[in-house]
Amino acid sequence: MNRFLVYLIILGLTLYTVLGDSFIKRAGNGSTYVNWKYLLLGLLIYSSTTFIWFFVYKQVKFSIAGTVYGVITALVFALAGVFYFKESISFIEIIGIIMAIASILILGRFN
């Protein structure tokens, strides 16, 4: 499988997983202790990605896939936190995000 296609699949899986995380966060944000509809939807999204990860791990190194997933997740979480959940982001967190992006660039250069 084409490496670029694998990275696009990782990007898609990450965005889909962050959607699940957003539902899980919403499950605990309401006036009740837990909103079961959002929690179950988030769990369904999480579990559905497992099968696709199986095929991704067959194509790329586990460490590379994990790092790419982690960095994309951090970036999308930060954006979702700021724009959707109206959370603030500090200067030091911005520096951390820049360093995370640099790690992906370094991995891509030497892999």
Protein backbone atom coordinates (compact mmCIF):
# COMPACT_ATOMS: atom_id res chain seq x y z
CA MET A 1 0.00 0.00 0.00
CA ASN A 2 1.21 3.50 -0.80
CA ARG A 3 2.77 5.21 2.26
CA PHE A 4 0.94 8.47 1.51
CA LEU A 5 -2.37 6.60 1.51
CA VAL A 6 -1.49 5.02 4.86
CA TYR A 7 -0.81 8.46 6.34
CA LEU A 8 -4.14 9.71 4.97
CA ILE A 9 -5.85 6.76 6.63
CA ILE A 10 -4.10 7.59 9.91
CA LEU A 11 -5.30 11.20 9.56
CA GLY A 12 -8.86 10.04 8.94
CA LEU A 13 -8.76 7.60 11.85
CA THR A 14 -7.42 10.31 14.11
CA LEU A 15 -10.14 12.77 13.15
CA TYR A 16 -12.77 10.07 13.61
CA THR A 17 -11.34 9.17 17.02
CA VAL A 18 -11.33 12.81 18.12
CA LEU A 19 -14.99 12.94 17.15
CA GLY A 20 -15.54 10.01 19.53
CA ASP A 21 -13.57 11.83 22.23
CA SER A 22 -15.75 14.90 21.73
CA PHE A 23 -18.87 12.84 22.32
CA ILE A 24 -17.32 11.35 25.45
CA LYS A 25 -16.47 14.84 26.74
CA ARG A 26 -20.03 16.00 26.00
CA ALA A 27 -21.34 12.97 27.89
CA GLY A 28 -19.94 14.46 31.09
CA ASN A 29 -20.66 18.14 30.41
CA GLY A 30 -24.42 18.18 30.97
CA SER A 31 -26.45 18.73 34.10
CA THR A 32 -26.78 14.98 34.71
CA TYR A 33 -23.87 12.86 35.84
CA VAL A 34 -23.58 11.18 32.45
CA ASN A 35 -25.38 11.56 29.16
CA TRP A 36 -25.54 7.93 28.03
CA LYS A 37 -26.39 8.77 24.43
CA TYR A 38 -23.13 10.67 23.92
CA LEU A 39 -21.10 8.16 25.92
CA LEU A 40 -22.34 5.18 23.90
CA LEU A 41 -21.83 7.05 20.63
CA GLY A 42 -18.25 7.84 21.62
CA LEU A 43 -17.60 4.22 22.59
CA LEU A 44 -19.06 3.00 19.29
CA ILE A 45 -16.75 5.30 17.35
CA TYR A 46 -13.73 4.14 19.37
CA SER A 47 -14.44 0.46 18.88
CA SER A 48 -15.11 0.83 15.16
CA THR A 49 -11.58 2.11 14.50
CA THR A 50 -9.91 -1.02 15.86
CA PHE A 51 -10.29 -3.01 12.67
CA ILE A 52 -8.82 -0.29 10.48
CA TRP A 53 -5.83 0.16 12.82
CA PHE A 54 -5.07 -3.54 12.29
CA PHE A 55 -4.42 -2.89 8.59
CA VAL A 56 -2.50 0.32 9.23
CA TYR A 57 -0.13 -1.48 11.62
CA LYS A 58 0.60 -4.03 8.91
CA GLN A 59 1.87 -1.24 6.64
CA VAL A 60 3.94 1.05 8.88
CA LYS A 61 6.09 0.74 11.97
CA PHE A 62 4.15 0.79 15.21
CA SER A 63 6.28 3.62 16.58
CA ILE A 64 5.75 5.77 13.50
CA ALA A 65 1.98 5.17 13.40
CA GLY A 66 1.73 5.91 17.12
CA THR A 67 3.72 9.11 16.89
CA VAL A 68 1.79 10.41 13.88
CA TYR A 69 -1.48 9.52 15.62
CA GLY A 70 -0.39 11.21 18.85
CA VAL A 71 0.70 14.44 17.21
CA ILE A 72 -2.37 14.74 14.99
CA THR A 73 -4.56 13.97 18.00
CA ALA A 74 -2.87 16.70 20.04
CA LEU A 75 -3.33 19.22 17.24
CA VAL A 76 -6.97 18.38 16.63
CA PHE A 77 -7.73 18.29 20.37
CA ALA A 78 -6.20 21.73 20.76
CA LEU A 79 -8.25 23.10 17.87
CA ALA A 80 -11.45 21.46 19.11
CA GLY A 81 -10.81 22.73 22.61
CA VAL A 82 -10.33 26.30 21.45
CA PHE A 83 -13.02 26.52 18.77
CA TYR A 84 -15.69 24.04 19.88
CA PHE A 85 -15.40 23.85 23.67
CA LYS A 86 -14.25 27.50 24.03
CA GLU A 87 -11.17 26.59 26.08
CA SER A 88 -8.07 28.77 26.19
CA ILE A 89 -4.59 27.66 25.15
CA SER A 90 -1.44 28.99 26.77
CA PHE A 91 1.79 30.10 25.15
CA ILE A 92 3.66 27.08 26.52
CA GLU A 93 1.02 24.78 25.04
CA ILE A 94 1.54 26.43 21.65
CA ILE A 95 5.28 25.78 21.98
CA GLY A 96 4.50 22.12 22.76
CA ILE A 97 2.32 21.84 19.66
CA ILE A 98 5.08 23.31 17.51
CA MET A 99 7.54 20.78 18.97
CA ALA A 100 5.07 17.97 18.24
CA ILE A 101 4.86 19.05 14.60
CA ALA A 102 8.66 19.15 14.46
CA SER A 103 8.79 15.55 15.70
CA ILE A 104 6.63 14.40 12.78
CA LEU A 105 8.87 16.26 10.34
CA ILE A 106 11.97 14.65 11.85
CA LEU A 107 10.40 11.19 11.73
CA GLY A 108 9.41 11.67 8.10
CA ARG A 109 12.89 12.84 7.18
CA PHE A 110 14.75 9.91 8.72
CA ASN A 111 12.31 7.06 8.15
